[in-house]
């Protein structure tokens, strides 16, 4: 199975809204715990180590790229 990076949701805005709403009323620590639990549940659902590895690499790359862009904008 290959990592799918295009939306698989019929209503992607609804999916995003559902995730945001799940965090409503939580502390920062609780929100982080929710994110971690959700990642583990979904990683288990995927059940493919290579897809998980690719997803982790993509997420880290986006995080690093975003940090670099912020630093450039501050200069």
PDB file of N, CA and C in Angstrom:
ATOM      1  N   UNK A   1       0.855  -1.168   0.000  1.00  0.00           N
ATOM      2  CA  UNK A   1       0.000   0.000   0.000  1.00  0.00           C
ATOM      3  C   UNK A   1       0.905   1.236   0.000  1.00  0.00           C
ATOM      4  N   UNK A   2       0.582   2.197  -0.850  1.00  0.00           N
ATOM      5  CA  UNK A   2       1.346   3.444  -0.915  1.00  0.00           C
ATOM      6  C   UNK A   2       0.649   4.511  -0.082  1.00  0.00           C
ATOM      7  N   UNK A   3       1.428   5.452   0.414  1.00  0.00           N
ATOM      8  CA  UNK A   3       0.877   6.563   1.176  1.00  0.00           C
ATOM      9  C   UNK A   3       0.046   7.439   0.258  1.00  0.00           C
ATOM     10  N   UNK A   4      -1.186   7.678   0.631  1.00  0.00           N
ATOM     11  CA  UNK A   4      -2.068   8.555  -0.125  1.00  0.00           C
ATOM     12  C   UNK A   4      -2.012   9.944   0.491  1.00  0.00           C
ATOM     13  N   UNK A   5      -1.649  10.952  -0.312  1.00  0.00           N
ATOM     14  CA  UNK A   5      -1.569  12.314   0.209  1.00  0.00           C
ATOM     15  C   UNK A   5      -2.685  13.199  -0.335  1.00  0.00           C
ATOM     16  N   UNK A   6      -3.526  12.647  -1.178  1.00  0.00           N
ATOM     17  CA  UNK A   6      -4.688  13.408  -1.643  1.00  0.00           C
ATOM     18  C   UNK A   6      -5.856  13.086  -0.717  1.00  0.00           C
ATOM     19  N   UNK A   7      -6.825  13.986  -0.664  1.00  0.00           N
ATOM     20  CA  UNK A   7      -7.941  13.798   0.249  1.00  0.00           C
ATOM     21  C   UNK A   7      -8.776  12.583  -0.145  1.00  0.00           C
ATOM     22  N   UNK A   8      -9.084  11.761   0.833  1.00  0.00           N
ATOM     23  CA  UNK A   8      -9.956  10.614   0.627  1.00  0.00           C
ATOM     24  C   UNK A   8     -11.344  10.858   1.204  1.00  0.00           C
ATOM     25  N   UNK A   9     -11.580  12.070   1.684  1.00  0.00           N
ATOM     26  CA  UNK A   9     -12.861  12.417   2.290  1.00  0.00           C
ATOM     27  C   UNK A   9     -13.779  13.047   1.255  1.00  0.00           C
ATOM     28  N   UNK A  10     -15.050  12.650   1.287  1.00  0.00           N
ATOM     29  CA  UNK A  10     -16.037  13.294   0.425  1.00  0.00           C
ATOM     30  C   UNK A  10     -16.207  14.750   0.842  1.00  0.00           C
ATOM     31  N   UNK A  11     -16.054  15.007   2.133  1.00  0.00           N
ATOM     32  CA  UNK A  11     -16.180  16.362   2.676  1.00  0.00           C
ATOM     33  C   UNK A  11     -14.967  16.656   3.552  1.00  0.00           C
ATOM     34  N   UNK A  12     -13.837  17.033   2.942  1.00  0.00           N
ATOM     35  CA  UNK A  12     -12.613  17.257   3.721  1.00  0.00           C
ATOM     36  C   UNK A  12     -12.751  18.354   4.770  1.00  0.00           C
ATOM     37  N   UNK A  13     -13.541  19.384   4.490  1.00  0.00           N
ATOM     38  CA  UNK A  13     -13.729  20.450   5.482  1.00  0.00           C
ATOM     39  C   UNK A  13     -14.425  19.916   6.729  1.00  0.00           C
ATOM     40  N   UNK A  14     -15.352  18.983   6.546  1.00  0.00           N
ATOM     41  CA  UNK A  14     -16.035  18.380   7.688  1.00  0.00           C
ATOM     42  C   UNK A  14     -15.073  17.543   8.527  1.00  0.00           C
ATOM     43  N   UNK A  15     -14.158  16.841   7.863  1.00  0.00           N
ATOM     44  CA  UNK A  15     -13.162  16.041   8.580  1.00  0.00           C
ATOM     45  C   UNK A  15     -12.250  16.948   9.399  1.00  0.00           C
ATOM     46  N   UNK A  16     -11.795  18.047   8.794  1.00  0.00           N
ATOM     47  CA  UNK A  16     -10.943  19.000   9.497  1.00  0.00           C
ATOM     48  C   UNK A  16     -11.694  19.591  10.689  1.00  0.00           C
ATOM     49  N   UNK A  17     -12.932  19.980  10.475  1.00  0.00           N
ATOM     50  CA  UNK A  17     -13.748  20.570  11.540  1.00  0.00           C
ATOM     51  C   UNK A  17     -13.931  19.573  12.697  1.00  0.00           C
ATOM     52  N   UNK A  18     -14.127  18.298  12.377  1.00  0.00           N
ATOM     53  CA  UNK A  18     -14.299  17.269  13.404  1.00  0.00           C
ATOM     54  C   UNK A  18     -13.049  17.163  14.285  1.00  0.00           C
ATOM     55  N   UNK A  19     -11.891  17.226  13.661  1.00  0.00           N
ATOM     56  CA  UNK A  19     -10.638  17.149  14.419  1.00  0.00           C
ATOM     57  C   UNK A  19     -10.471  18.380  15.298  1.00  0.00           C
ATOM     58  N   UNK A  20     -10.744  19.542  14.749  1.00  0.00           N
ATOM     59  CA  UNK A  20     -10.643  20.783  15.525  1.00  0.00           C
ATOM     60  C   UNK A  20     -11.620  20.747  16.703  1.00  0.00           C
ATOM     61  N   UNK A  21     -12.841  20.339  16.459  1.00  0.00           N
ATOM     62  CA  UNK A  21     -13.866  20.294  17.520  1.00  0.00           C
ATOM     63  C   UNK A  21     -13.494  19.306  18.626  1.00  0.00           C
ATOM     64  N   UNK A  22     -12.796  18.237  18.278  1.00  0.00           N
ATOM     65  CA  UNK A  22     -12.380  17.249  19.284  1.00  0.00           C
ATOM     66  C   UNK A  22     -11.442  17.876  20.312  1.00  0.00           C
ATOM     67  N   UNK A  23     -10.757  18.960  19.945  1.00  0.00           N
ATOM     68  CA  UNK A  23      -9.818  19.633  20.838  1.00  0.00           C
ATOM     69  C   UNK A  23     -10.467  20.727  21.677  1.00  0.00           C
ATOM     70  N   UNK A  24     -11.680  21.090  21.332  1.00  0.00           N
ATOM     71  CA  UNK A  24     -12.351  22.197  22.028  1.00  0.00           C
ATOM     72  C   UNK A  24     -12.504  21.891  23.519  1.00  0.00           C
ATOM     73  N   UNK A  25     -12.086  22.834  24.338  1.00  0.00           N
ATOM     74  CA  UNK A  25     -12.225  22.699  25.778  1.00  0.00           C
ATOM     75  C   UNK A  25     -11.105  21.926  26.459  1.00  0.00           C
ATOM     76  N   UNK A  26     -10.153  21.444  25.689  1.00  0.00           N
ATOM     77  CA  UNK A  26      -9.039  20.686  26.273  1.00  0.00           C
ATOM     78  C   UNK A  26      -7.874  21.620  26.569  1.00  0.00           C
ATOM     79  N   UNK A  27      -7.126  21.278  27.589  1.00  0.00           N
ATOM     80  CA  UNK A  27      -5.884  22.005  27.862  1.00  0.00           C
ATOM     81  C   UNK A  27      -4.873  21.653  26.779  1.00  0.00           C
ATOM     82  N   UNK A  28      -3.762  22.379  26.733  1.00  0.00           N
ATOM     83  CA  UNK A  28      -2.708  22.069  25.767  1.00  0.00           C
ATOM     84  C   UNK A  28      -2.200  20.640  25.962  1.00  0.00           C
ATOM     85  N   UNK A  29      -2.033  20.240  27.217  1.00  0.00           N
ATOM     86  CA  UNK A  29      -1.552  18.882  27.509  1.00  0.00           C
ATOM     87  C   UNK A  29      -2.568  17.836  27.058  1.00  0.00           C
ATOM     88  N   UNK A  30      -3.838  18.078  27.336  1.00  0.00           N
ATOM     89  CA  UNK A  30      -4.879  17.140  26.911  1.00  0.00           C
ATOM     90  C   UNK A  30      -4.974  17.082  25.392  1.00  0.00           C
ATOM     91  N   UNK A  31      -4.821  18.221  24.754  1.00  0.00           N
ATOM     92  CA  UNK A  31      -4.857  18.275  23.296  1.00  0.00           C
ATOM     93  C   UNK A  31      -3.708  17.464  22.697  1.00  0.00           C
ATOM     94  N   UNK A  32      -2.528  17.591  23.282  1.00  0.00           N
ATOM     95  CA  UNK A  32      -1.382  16.799  22.836  1.00  0.00           C
ATOM     96  C   UNK A  32      -1.615  15.309  23.041  1.00  0.00           C
ATOM     97  N   UNK A  33      -2.230  14.970  24.172  1.00  0.00           N
ATOM     98  CA  UNK A  33      -2.543  13.557  24.446  1.00  0.00           C
ATOM     99  C   UNK A  33      -3.561  13.016  23.442  1.00  0.00           C
ATOM    100  N   UNK A  34      -4.556  13.836  23.115  1.00  0.00           N
ATOM    101  CA  UNK A  34      -5.549  13.429  22.122  1.00  0.00           C
ATOM    102  C   UNK A  34      -4.879  13.186  20.774  1.00  0.00           C
ATOM    103  N   UNK A  35      -4.009  14.113  20.362  1.00  0.00           N
ATOM    104  CA  UNK A  35      -3.300  13.941  19.098  1.00  0.00           C
ATOM    105  C   UNK A  35      -2.480  12.656  19.089  1.00  0.00           C
ATOM    106  N   UNK A  36      -1.772  12.396  20.175  1.00  0.00           N
ATOM    107  CA  UNK A  36      -0.951  11.181  20.258  1.00  0.00           C
ATOM    108  C   UNK A  36      -1.812   9.925  20.193  1.00  0.00           C
ATOM    109  N   UNK A  37      -2.932   9.934  20.908  1.00  0.00           N
ATOM    110  CA  UNK A  37      -3.821   8.773  20.889  1.00  0.00           C
ATOM    111  C   UNK A  37      -4.411   8.564  19.498  1.00  0.00           C
ATOM    112  N   UNK A  38      -4.796   9.660  18.849  1.00  0.00           N
ATOM    113  CA  UNK A  38      -5.355   9.565  17.504  1.00  0.00           C
ATOM    114  C   UNK A  38      -4.324   9.026  16.514  1.00  0.00           C
ATOM    115  N   UNK A  39      -3.086   9.495  16.625  1.00  0.00           N
ATOM    116  CA  UNK A  39      -2.020   8.993  15.755  1.00  0.00           C
ATOM    117  C   UNK A  39      -1.838   7.492  15.935  1.00  0.00           C
ATOM    118  N   UNK A  40      -1.822   7.030  17.178  1.00  0.00           N
ATOM    119  CA  UNK A  40      -1.616   5.604  17.435  1.00  0.00           C
ATOM    120  C   UNK A  40      -2.777   4.762  16.918  1.00  0.00           C
ATOM    121  N   UNK A  41      -4.001   5.242  17.117  1.00  0.00           N
ATOM    122  CA  UNK A  41      -5.176   4.514  16.629  1.00  0.00           C
ATOM    123  C   UNK A  41      -5.140   4.417  15.104  1.00  0.00           C
ATOM    124  N   UNK A  42      -4.865   5.537  14.441  1.00  0.00           N
ATOM    125  CA  UNK A  42      -4.844   5.539  12.974  1.00  0.00           C
ATOM    126  C   UNK A  42      -3.650   4.767  12.416  1.00  0.00           C
ATOM    127  N   UNK A  43      -2.493   4.839  13.091  1.00  0.00           N
ATOM    128  CA  UNK A  43      -1.333   4.059  12.654  1.00  0.00           C
ATOM    129  C   UNK A  43      -1.641   2.569  12.729  1.00  0.00           C
ATOM    130  N   UNK A  44      -2.309   2.160  13.786  1.00  0.00           N
ATOM    131  CA  UNK A  44      -2.705   0.761  13.915  1.00  0.00           C
ATOM    132  C   UNK A  44      -3.682   0.376  12.808  1.00  0.00           C
ATOM    133  N   UNK A  45      -4.597   1.271  12.489  1.00  0.00           N
ATOM    134  CA  UNK A  45      -5.573   1.009  11.431  1.00  0.00           C
ATOM    135  C   UNK A  45      -4.863   0.814  10.092  1.00  0.00           C
ATOM    136  N   UNK A  46      -3.844   1.628   9.826  1.00  0.00           N
ATOM    137  CA  UNK A  46      -3.080   1.494   8.582  1.00  0.00           C
ATOM    138  C   UNK A  46      -2.381   0.142   8.556  1.00  0.00           C
ATOM    139  N   UNK A  47      -1.675  -0.172   9.645  1.00  0.00           N
ATOM    140  CA  UNK A  47      -1.069  -1.484   9.792  1.00  0.00           C
ATOM    141  C   UNK A  47       0.065  -1.808   8.829  1.00  0.00           C
ATOM    142  N   UNK A  48       0.663  -0.794   8.233  1.00  0.00           N
ATOM    143  CA  UNK A  48       1.736  -1.005   7.264  1.00  0.00           C
ATOM    144  C   UNK A  48       2.922  -0.132   7.681  1.00  0.00           C
ATOM    145  N   UNK A  49       4.012  -0.772   8.093  1.00  0.00           N
ATOM    146  CA  UNK A  49       5.166  -0.031   8.602  1.00  0.00           C
ATOM    147  C   UNK A  49       5.782   0.891   7.552  1.00  0.00           C
ATOM    148  N   UNK A  50       5.804   0.469   6.307  1.00  0.00           N
ATOM    149  CA  UNK A  50       6.405   1.307   5.264  1.00  0.00           C
ATOM    150  C   UNK A  50       5.560   2.557   5.028  1.00  0.00           C
ATOM    151  N   UNK A  51       4.261   2.432   5.021  1.00  0.00           N
ATOM    152  CA  UNK A  51       3.375   3.593   4.869  1.00  0.00           C
ATOM    153  C   UNK A  51       3.528   4.512   6.078  1.00  0.00           C
ATOM    154  N   UNK A  52       3.595   3.932   7.263  1.00  0.00           N
ATOM    155  CA  UNK A  52       3.786   4.730   8.470  1.00  0.00           C
ATOM    156  C   UNK A  52       5.112   5.480   8.416  1.00  0.00           C
ATOM    157  N   UNK A  53       6.180   4.809   7.992  1.00  0.00           N
ATOM    158  CA  UNK A  53       7.498   5.442   7.870  1.00  0.00           C
ATOM    159  C   UNK A  53       7.438   6.614   6.885  1.00  0.00           C
ATOM    160  N   UNK A  54       6.790   6.410   5.754  1.00  0.00           N
ATOM    161  CA  UNK A  54       6.671   7.470   4.755  1.00  0.00           C
ATOM    162  C   UNK A  54       5.859   8.654   5.296  1.00  0.00           C
ATOM    163  N   UNK A  55       4.797   8.355   6.030  1.00  0.00           N
ATOM    164  CA  UNK A  55       3.967   9.414   6.606  1.00  0.00           C
ATOM    165  C   UNK A  55       4.750  10.220   7.643  1.00  0.00           C
ATOM    166  N   UNK A  56       5.535   9.541   8.467  1.00  0.00           N
ATOM    167  CA  UNK A  56       6.357  10.228   9.471  1.00  0.00           C
ATOM    168  C   UNK A  56       7.371  11.129   8.785  1.00  0.00           C
ATOM    169  N   UNK A  57       8.027  10.619   7.764  1.00  0.00           N
ATOM    170  CA  UNK A  57       9.024  11.419   7.041  1.00  0.00           C
ATOM    171  C   UNK A  57       8.379  12.646   6.398  1.00  0.00           C
ATOM    172  N   UNK A  58       7.207  12.478   5.802  1.00  0.00           N
ATOM    173  CA  UNK A  58       6.510  13.601   5.176  1.00  0.00           C
ATOM    174  C   UNK A  58       6.118  14.646   6.221  1.00  0.00           C
ATOM    175  N   UNK A  59       5.575  14.193   7.333  1.00  0.00           N
ATOM    176  CA  UNK A  59       5.162  15.117   8.392  1.00  0.00           C
ATOM    177  C   UNK A  59       6.359  15.882   8.956  1.00  0.00           C
ATOM    178  N   UNK A  60       7.463  15.195   9.176  1.00  0.00           N
ATOM    179  CA  UNK A  60       8.664  15.860   9.699  1.00  0.00           C
ATOM    180  C   UNK A  60       9.211  16.870   8.688  1.00  0.00           C
ATOM    181  N   UNK A  61       9.207  16.491   7.425  1.00  0.00           N
ATOM    182  CA  UNK A  61       9.687  17.394   6.379  1.00  0.00           C
ATOM    183  C   UNK A  61       8.830  18.664   6.339  1.00  0.00           C
ATOM    184  N   UNK A  62       7.523  18.506   6.428  1.00  0.00           N
ATOM    185  CA  UNK A  62       6.632  19.669   6.424  1.00  0.00           C
ATOM    186  C   UNK A  62       6.848  20.537   7.650  1.00  0.00           C
ATOM    187  N   UNK A  63       7.105  19.913   8.792  1.00  0.00           N
ATOM    188  CA  UNK A  63       7.359  20.654  10.014  1.00  0.00           C
ATOM    189  C   UNK A  63       8.645  21.468   9.889  1.00  0.00           C
ATOM    190  N   UNK A  64       9.691  20.853   9.395  1.00  0.00           N
ATOM    191  CA  UNK A  64      10.977  21.530   9.221  1.00  0.00           C
ATOM    192  C   UNK A  64      10.846  22.642   8.188  1.00  0.00           C
ATOM    193  N   UNK A  65      10.183  22.363   7.066  1.00  0.00           N
ATOM    194  CA  UNK A  65      10.001  23.383   6.029  1.00  0.00           C
ATOM    195  C   UNK A  65       9.219  24.575   6.577  1.00  0.00           C
ATOM    196  N   UNK A  66       8.186  24.310   7.376  1.00  0.00           N
ATOM    197  CA  UNK A  66       7.398  25.382   7.969  1.00  0.00           C
ATOM    198  C   UNK A  66       8.210  26.220   8.936  1.00  0.00           C
ATOM    199  N   UNK A  67       9.054  25.589   9.721  1.00  0.00           N
ATOM    200  CA  UNK A  67       9.915  26.305  10.666  1.00  0.00           C
ATOM    201  C   UNK A  67      10.919  27.188   9.922  1.00  0.00           C
ATOM    202  N   UNK A  68      11.466  26.670   8.843  1.00  0.00           N
ATOM    203  CA  UNK A  68      12.425  27.443   8.058  1.00  0.00           C
ATOM    204  C   UNK A  68      11.750  28.650   7.417  1.00  0.00           C
ATOM    205  N   UNK A  69      10.528  28.486   6.949  1.00  0.00           N
ATOM    206  CA  UNK A  69       9.809  29.604   6.354  1.00  0.00           C
ATOM    207  C   UNK A  69       9.522  30.682   7.393  1.00  0.00           C
ATOM    208  N   UNK A  70       9.165  30.293   8.610  1.00  0.00           N
ATOM    209  CA  UNK A  70       8.913  31.260   9.676  1.00  0.00           C
ATOM    210  C   UNK A  70      10.177  32.044   9.987  1.00  0.00           C
ATOM    211  N   UNK A  71      11.311  31.357  10.056  1.00  0.00           N
ATOM    212  CA  UNK A  71      12.574  32.023  10.354  1.00  0.00           C
ATOM    213  C   UNK A  71      12.937  33.027   9.265  1.00  0.00           C
ATOM    214  N   UNK A  72      12.696  32.670   8.014  1.00  0.00           N
ATOM    215  CA  UNK A  72      13.005  33.569   6.910  1.00  0.00           C
ATOM    216  C   UNK A  72      12.109  34.800   6.951  1.00  0.00           C
ATOM    217  N   UNK A  73      10.840  34.633   7.329  1.00  0.00           N
ATOM    218  CA  UNK A  73       9.907  35.754   7.396  1.00  0.00           C
ATOM    219  C   UNK A  73      10.266  36.708   8.535  1.00  0.00           C
ATOM    220  N   UNK A  74      10.868  36.189   9.599  1.00  0.00           N
ATOM    221  CA  UNK A  74      11.233  37.015  10.750  1.00  0.00           C
ATOM    222  C   UNK A  74      12.498  37.825  10.486  1.00  0.00           C
ATOM    223  N   UNK A  75      13.264  37.463   9.485  1.00  0.00           N
ATOM    224  CA  UNK A  75      14.534  38.150   9.210  1.00  0.00           C
ATOM    225  C   UNK A  75      14.315  39.395   8.390  1.00  0.00           C
TER     226      UNK A  75
END
